[in-house]
Protein backbone atom coordinates (compact mmCIF):
# COMPACT_ATOMS: atom_id res chain seq x y z
CA MET A 1 0.00 0.00 0.00
CA ALA A 2 1.38 3.42 -0.96
CA SER A 3 2.52 5.83 1.67
CA LEU A 4 0.93 9.26 2.13
CA ASP A 5 3.80 10.99 0.31
CA SER A 6 3.62 8.50 -2.53
CA THR A 7 -0.12 9.04 -2.86
CA ARG A 8 0.35 12.79 -3.05
CA ALA A 9 3.08 12.45 -5.65
CA LEU A 10 0.83 10.29 -7.78
CA GLY A 11 -1.62 13.18 -7.95
CA VAL A 12 -4.25 11.62 -5.66
CA PRO A 13 -5.50 13.99 -2.90
CA PRO A 14 -5.23 12.38 0.54
CA PRO A 15 -8.46 11.58 2.42
CA ASP A 16 -9.82 13.79 5.17
CA PRO A 17 -8.78 12.25 8.53
CA LEU A 18 -12.33 12.62 9.92
CA THR A 19 -14.69 11.98 7.03
CA GLY A 20 -12.47 9.93 4.76
CA ALA A 21 -13.52 12.09 1.79
CA ARG A 22 -10.97 13.28 -0.72
CA GLN A 23 -10.07 16.94 -0.33
CA ARG A 24 -10.03 19.29 -3.28
CA PRO A 25 -7.45 21.97 -4.09
CA ALA A 26 -8.30 25.25 -2.37
CA ARG A 27 -7.99 28.83 -3.50
CA ILE A 28 -6.90 27.87 -7.03
CA SER A 29 -9.20 30.48 -8.59
CA SER A 30 -7.78 33.27 -6.45
CA ALA A 31 -4.27 32.08 -7.22
CA TRP A 32 -4.95 32.33 -10.95
CA LEU A 33 -6.43 35.80 -10.43
CA ARG A 34 -3.32 36.98 -8.59
CA PHE A 35 -1.18 35.34 -11.26
CA ALA A 36 -3.08 37.16 -14.02
CA VAL A 37 -2.75 40.52 -12.26
CA ARG A 38 1.00 40.06 -11.72
CA ARG A 39 1.64 38.94 -15.27
CA LEU A 40 -0.41 41.73 -16.80
CA ALA A 41 1.44 44.24 -14.65
CA SER A 42 4.78 42.77 -15.75
CA LEU A 43 3.71 42.97 -19.40
CA VAL A 44 2.89 46.66 -18.93
CA VAL A 45 6.31 47.28 -17.35
CA ILE A 46 8.06 45.39 -20.16
CA PHE A 47 6.10 47.32 -22.78
CA VAL A 48 7.00 50.68 -21.24
CA ALA A 49 10.66 49.67 -20.92
CA LEU A 50 10.78 48.54 -24.55
CA LEU A 51 9.09 51.75 -25.62
CA VAL A 52 11.74 53.87 -23.89
CA VAL A 53 14.74 51.72 -24.79
CA SER A 54 13.74 51.30 -28.45
CA PHE A 55 13.51 55.08 -28.78
CA LEU A 56 16.73 55.93 -26.96
CA ILE A 57 18.85 53.21 -28.55
CA VAL A 58 18.50 54.67 -32.04
CA GLN A 59 19.95 57.94 -30.78
CA LEU A 60 23.23 56.09 -30.16
CA ILE A 61 23.61 54.98 -33.78
CA PRO A 62 26.37 57.11 -35.32
CA GLY A 63 25.57 59.19 -38.37
CA ASP A 64 22.70 61.31 -39.60
CA PRO A 65 19.79 59.64 -41.45
CA ALA A 66 19.29 62.82 -43.47
CA VAL A 67 22.81 62.56 -44.90
CA GLY A 68 22.19 59.04 -46.20
CA ILE A 69 18.85 60.00 -47.71
CA ALA A 70 20.19 63.20 -49.32
CA GLY A 71 23.08 61.40 -50.98
CA ALA A 72 26.77 62.11 -51.31
CA ASN A 73 26.34 65.18 -53.51
CA ALA A 74 23.79 66.95 -51.32
CA ASP A 75 24.61 70.33 -49.84
CA LEU A 76 23.92 71.52 -46.29
CA ALA A 77 20.62 73.13 -47.27
CA ASP A 78 19.28 69.84 -48.66
CA ILE A 79 20.33 67.98 -45.53
CA GLN A 80 18.65 70.55 -43.28
CA ARG A 81 15.49 70.38 -45.38
CA ILE A 82 15.35 66.59 -45.09
CA ARG A 83 15.98 66.77 -41.35
CA GLY A 84 12.99 69.08 -41.08
CA GLU A 85 10.82 66.72 -43.13
CA LEU A 86 11.80 63.79 -40.93
CA GLY A 87 11.31 65.79 -37.73
CA LEU A 88 14.93 65.30 -36.68
CA ASP A 89 15.39 69.01 -36.03
CA ARG A 90 12.88 68.90 -33.18
CA PRO A 91 13.89 68.42 -29.52
CA ILE A 92 14.28 64.79 -28.50
CA TRP A 93 11.55 64.99 -25.87
CA GLU A 94 9.03 66.16 -28.47
CA ARG A 95 9.95 63.28 -30.76
CA PHE A 96 9.63 60.86 -27.87
CA LEU A 97 6.15 62.10 -26.97
CA ASP A 98 5.10 61.80 -30.61
CA HIS A 99 6.52 58.28 -30.72
CA VAL A 100 4.66 57.24 -27.57
CA GLY A 101 1.43 58.81 -28.77
CA GLY A 102 1.74 57.07 -32.13
CA VAL A 103 2.36 53.67 -30.55
CA PHE A 104 -0.69 53.95 -28.31
CA THR A 105 -2.81 54.86 -31.33
CA GLY A 106 -1.43 52.00 -33.42
CA ASP A 107 0.90 54.17 -35.51
CA LEU A 108 4.53 53.01 -35.40
CA GLY A 109 5.65 55.82 -37.66
CA THR A 110 6.78 56.05 -41.28
CA SER A 111 10.00 54.59 -42.63
CA PHE A 112 12.63 57.18 -43.54
CA MET A 113 13.85 55.16 -46.52
CA TYR A 114 10.71 53.56 -47.93
CA ARG A 115 8.18 56.25 -46.97
CA GLN A 116 5.81 53.44 -45.93
CA PRO A 117 4.13 52.80 -42.59
CA VAL A 118 6.39 50.78 -40.30
CA SER A 119 3.44 48.58 -39.36
CA SER A 120 3.10 47.51 -43.01
CA LEU A 121 6.79 46.60 -43.22
CA ILE A 122 6.51 44.55 -40.02
CA VAL A 123 3.37 42.76 -41.23
CA ASN A 124 5.16 41.80 -44.45
CA ARG A 125 8.27 40.49 -42.67
CA LEU A 126 6.79 38.98 -39.50
CA PRO A 127 5.43 35.76 -41.12
CA PHE A 128 8.93 34.63 -42.10
CA THR A 129 10.39 35.15 -38.64
CA ALA A 130 7.30 33.74 -36.94
CA THR A 131 7.31 30.63 -39.14
CA ILE A 132 10.90 29.80 -38.25
CA ALA A 133 10.59 30.65 -34.54
CA VAL A 134 7.21 28.97 -33.88
CA THR A 135 8.01 25.86 -35.93
CA GLY A 136 11.39 25.60 -34.21
CA ILE A 137 9.84 25.93 -30.75
CA VAL A 138 7.26 23.22 -31.50
CA LEU A 139 9.97 20.96 -32.92
CA VAL A 140 12.14 21.46 -29.85
CA LEU A 141 9.37 20.55 -27.41
CA VAL A 142 8.12 17.59 -29.46
CA ILE A 143 11.59 16.04 -29.80
CA SER A 144 13.56 17.05 -26.71
CA VAL A 145 11.09 15.97 -24.00
CA PRO A 146 10.39 12.44 -25.33
CA LEU A 147 14.07 11.97 -26.22
CA GLY A 148 15.24 12.92 -22.74
CA MET A 149 12.60 10.71 -21.12
CA VAL A 150 13.53 7.69 -23.24
CA ILE A 151 17.24 8.08 -22.49
CA GLY A 152 16.44 8.56 -18.81
CA VAL A 153 14.40 5.35 -18.72
CA LEU A 154 16.98 3.32 -20.64
CA THR A 155 19.85 4.49 -18.42
CA ARG A 156 17.99 4.29 -15.09
CA GLY A 157 20.10 3.14 -12.17
CA GLY A 158 23.37 3.14 -14.13
CA ARG A 159 22.10 0.84 -16.86
CA ARG A 160 23.55 1.15 -20.38
CA LYS A 161 26.38 3.41 -19.35
CA TRP A 162 27.62 3.55 -22.92
CA LEU A 163 24.33 5.07 -24.07
CA ASP A 164 24.43 7.72 -21.34
CA VAL A 165 28.00 8.69 -22.26
CA ALA A 166 27.29 8.75 -26.01
CA PHE A 167 24.14 10.81 -25.51
CA GLY A 168 26.00 13.35 -23.40
CA MET A 169 28.90 13.62 -25.85
CA VAL A 170 26.75 14.01 -28.97
CA THR A 171 24.31 16.52 -27.47
CA GLY A 172 27.12 18.47 -25.81
CA PHE A 173 29.02 18.72 -29.09
CA LEU A 174 26.00 19.80 -31.13
CA ASP A 175 24.93 22.29 -28.47
CA SER A 176 28.35 23.94 -28.49
CA ILE A 177 28.07 24.88 -32.18
CA PRO A 178 26.73 28.43 -32.66
CA GLY A 179 23.52 28.69 -34.62
CA TYR A 180 24.98 30.64 -37.55
CA ILE A 181 27.78 28.09 -37.96
CA MET A 182 25.29 25.23 -37.88
CA ALA A 183 23.18 27.07 -40.45
CA SER A 184 26.18 27.57 -42.71
CA PHE A 185 27.11 23.89 -42.39
CA LEU A 186 23.57 22.82 -43.31
CA VAL A 187 23.57 25.12 -46.33
CA VAL A 188 26.90 23.83 -47.61
CA THR A 189 26.04 20.17 -46.98
CA PHE A 190 22.36 19.73 -47.79
CA ALA A 191 21.60 22.65 -50.13
CA LEU A 192 24.76 23.43 -52.08
CA GLY A 193 26.33 19.98 -51.70
CA ILE A 194 23.80 17.23 -52.34
CA GLY A 195 20.89 19.53 -53.20
CA LEU A 196 18.51 17.69 -50.89
CA VAL A 197 16.80 20.82 -49.58
CA PRO A 198 16.34 24.05 -51.57
CA LEU A 199 17.51 27.42 -50.39
CA PHE A 200 15.23 30.42 -50.31
CA PRO A 201 14.41 31.65 -53.82
CA PRO A 202 15.59 35.03 -55.09
CA ALA A 203 13.86 38.16 -53.89
CA TYR A 204 11.87 38.48 -57.12
CA THR A 205 10.25 35.07 -56.60
CA PRO A 206 6.72 35.72 -55.29
CA ARG A 207 6.32 32.58 -53.18
CA PHE A 208 8.44 30.62 -50.73
CA GLY A 209 7.91 26.88 -50.60
CA ALA A 210 7.60 25.01 -47.34
CA ALA A 211 10.77 23.07 -48.15
CA SER A 212 12.72 26.32 -48.03
CA PHE A 213 12.02 26.60 -44.29
CA VAL A 214 13.46 23.17 -43.45
CA LEU A 215 17.10 24.17 -43.04
CA PRO A 216 16.43 27.38 -41.03
CA VAL A 217 14.12 25.51 -38.64
CA VAL A 218 16.62 22.66 -38.19
CA ALA A 219 19.47 25.12 -37.64
CA ILE A 220 17.62 27.01 -34.93
CA ALA A 221 16.26 23.87 -33.21
CA ILE A 222 19.31 21.59 -32.94
CA GLY A 223 20.99 23.44 -30.06
CA PRO A 224 17.86 23.83 -27.87
CA ILE A 225 16.89 20.19 -28.51
CA CYS A 226 20.25 19.05 -27.16
CA THR A 227 20.08 21.37 -24.14
CA ILE A 228 16.52 20.57 -23.09
CA SER A 229 16.84 16.83 -23.73
CA ARG A 230 19.84 16.69 -21.37
CA VAL A 231 17.86 18.52 -18.71
CA VAL A 232 14.90 16.15 -19.18
CA ARG A 233 17.19 13.12 -18.94
CA ARG A 234 18.66 14.35 -15.68
CA GLU A 235 15.25 15.19 -14.21
CA MET A 236 13.87 11.85 -15.39
CA ALA A 237 16.66 10.00 -13.61
CA VAL A 238 15.77 11.81 -10.37
CA VAL A 239 12.03 11.25 -10.73
CA LEU A 240 12.42 7.54 -11.45
CA GLU A 241 14.15 7.02 -8.10
CA THR A 242 11.45 8.73 -6.02
CA ASP A 243 9.25 6.76 -3.63
CA TYR A 244 6.05 7.22 -5.60
CA MET A 245 7.63 5.88 -8.81
CA ARG A 246 8.96 2.88 -6.90
CA THR A 247 5.44 2.35 -5.58
CA ALA A 248 4.03 2.57 -9.10
CA ARG A 249 6.53 -0.03 -10.30
CA GLY A 250 5.63 -2.19 -7.32
CA TRP A 251 1.98 -2.04 -8.37
CA ARG A 252 3.02 -3.38 -11.79
CA LEU A 253 1.43 -0.41 -13.53
CA PRO A 254 2.06 -0.12 -17.28
CA ALA A 255 5.32 1.67 -18.08
CA LEU A 256 3.68 4.18 -20.43
CA ARG A 257 1.16 5.13 -17.78
CA ARG A 258 3.85 5.52 -15.12
CA HIS A 259 6.09 7.67 -17.24
CA VAL A 260 3.51 9.86 -18.98
CA ARG A 261 0.94 10.33 -16.23
CA TRP A 262 3.18 10.65 -13.17
CA ALA A 263 6.81 11.11 -14.18
CA LEU A 264 6.21 13.64 -16.95
CA PRO A 265 4.28 16.29 -14.89
CA ASN A 266 6.90 16.18 -12.13
CA LEU A 267 9.87 16.70 -14.42
CA LEU A 268 8.18 19.35 -16.56
CA THR A 269 8.25 22.00 -13.84
CA THR A 270 12.03 22.34 -13.87
CA THR A 271 12.26 21.60 -17.58
CA LEU A 272 9.78 24.27 -18.66
CA THR A 273 11.32 26.86 -16.35
CA LEU A 274 14.61 26.48 -18.20
CA SER A 275 12.89 25.98 -21.54
CA GLY A 276 11.18 29.36 -21.23
CA LEU A 277 14.57 31.07 -21.31
CA ILE A 278 15.77 28.89 -24.17
CA LEU A 279 12.62 29.34 -26.25
CA THR A 280 12.69 33.12 -25.95
CA GLY A 281 16.31 33.01 -26.99
CA MET A 282 15.22 31.15 -30.11
CA VAL A 283 13.40 34.29 -31.28
CA GLY A 284 16.72 36.11 -31.28
CA GLY A 285 18.33 33.10 -32.89
CA ALA A 286 15.78 33.21 -35.68
CA ILE A 287 16.85 36.78 -36.44
CA ILE A 288 20.47 35.65 -36.88
CA ILE A 289 19.53 32.56 -38.89
CA GLU A 290 17.59 34.77 -41.32
CA SER A 291 20.80 36.48 -42.35
CA VAL A 292 22.43 33.17 -43.31
CA PHE A 293 19.49 32.11 -45.47
CA ALA A 294 18.74 35.62 -46.86
CA LEU A 295 15.24 35.38 -45.41
CA PRO A 296 13.27 38.65 -45.64
CA GLY A 297 12.15 38.59 -42.01
CA LEU A 298 12.45 40.95 -39.08
CA GLY A 299 16.13 40.14 -38.58
CA SER A 300 17.27 41.24 -42.01
CA GLY A 301 14.86 44.17 -41.70
CA ILE A 302 16.51 45.39 -38.49
CA ILE A 303 20.01 44.97 -39.93
CA LYS A 304 19.12 46.96 -43.03
CA ALA A 305 17.35 49.60 -40.95
CA ILE A 306 20.45 50.03 -38.78
CA LEU A 307 22.66 50.43 -41.84
CA ASP A 308 20.19 52.96 -43.29
CA ARG A 309 19.67 54.65 -39.88
CA ASP A 310 15.95 54.19 -40.38
CA TYR A 311 14.89 55.07 -36.83
CA PRO A 312 11.14 54.32 -37.02
CA VAL A 313 11.74 50.84 -38.46
CA ILE A 314 14.28 49.99 -35.76
CA GLN A 315 11.99 51.23 -33.01
CA GLY A 316 8.97 49.35 -34.32
CA MET A 317 10.73 46.05 -34.90
CA VAL A 318 12.52 46.08 -31.54
CA LEU A 319 9.22 46.77 -29.82
CA VAL A 320 7.45 43.92 -31.65
CA ILE A 321 10.23 41.38 -31.08
CA GLY A 322 10.48 42.32 -27.41
CA MET A 323 6.75 41.86 -26.86
CA ILE A 324 6.81 38.51 -28.69
CA THR A 325 9.45 37.18 -26.31
CA ALA A 326 7.49 38.51 -23.32
CA ILE A 327 4.34 36.74 -24.53
CA ILE A 328 6.26 33.49 -24.99
CA ASN A 329 7.45 33.74 -21.38
CA LEU A 330 3.87 34.36 -20.29
CA LEU A 331 2.63 31.28 -22.14
CA VAL A 332 5.34 29.16 -20.51
CA ASP A 333 4.28 30.44 -17.08
CA VAL A 334 0.64 29.63 -17.83
CA LEU A 335 1.59 26.12 -18.91
CA LEU A 336 3.59 25.69 -15.71
CA GLY A 337 0.59 26.84 -13.69
CA LEU A 338 -1.64 24.31 -15.41
CA ILE A 339 0.82 21.50 -14.71
CA ASP A 340 1.67 22.52 -11.14
CA PRO A 341 -0.52 25.20 -9.47
CA ARG A 342 2.19 25.72 -6.85
CA THR A 343 4.24 27.59 -9.48
CA LEU A 344 1.57 30.29 -9.65
CA GLY A 345 3.09 31.91 -6.59
CA GLY A 346 1.06 32.48 -3.48
CA SER A 347 -1.27 29.59 -4.34
CA HIS A 348 -2.07 26.88 -1.85
CA VAL A 349 -3.40 23.43 -2.35
CA SER A 350 -4.94 21.69 0.61
CA ALA A 351 -3.12 18.57 1.71
């Protein structure tokens, strides 16, 4: 018969000592309410910080946008005229207030170089970055968690030492390779070498095939898969030696049920906490990977905007990318709360 601790670990609420009835979790609704208030407040703080930083950071870029727009043969009068048209001759605090007011009304400004709304440029480029980042994140979670669990089960209690060592060496080696180097290797090997996967078509080609996203997604996902799978393997080894898992094995419960229903939720808390940091980093990784594959996403857009000193485009794209990473962190926290309400902070479950 399972002990009280083992019963709790298996997710079964202990009986009331007087009535024998199973107790239900208490104050979960209020915990979610407090969680929602805290997270919404943090999103507001992050948004304000991004708004300020994205505006101030462009002021540090050397050079004058008006000079680049006017051209090499422009005289001082032309440059001053362009500065006036762009509003660069106004005090910085006035430009900041205009920027804040525009953002809150849905206007991210107008590109200096293209004379188009920044929101339109972001909408055109966002699908490429989002496709790589979202597909890579899904691929990482789908592969890394099952892989780490399988290796943890196969090497439980020191079994198959060779497999444990080989898994650690291979994942450690692949994880040590920077994303842009991995992307370059994949291009040379599978696109230019054997021609197995196509590269992105030229800029004049109107459509991008799904096969063109294979190499960017693989390049961005390999490192996080190795990192998270090692964490899952380590956590799985710890969970498998707990009392409640020994009790489950003693009950002769099916292995799939033991590992998926009871082991998985207990190892996901630590795994997802680390994964949240890794997955948000993948958004930044997608921006770098875009440069290798000449993908017209937000990454190449920011790089070109910096070279052109296109302040509104830089500000808008930094703000959008920053909020995307903040939302990913929020989703990870929500998933953690669904798996283990104790991670909500301040919540209490009756025992």
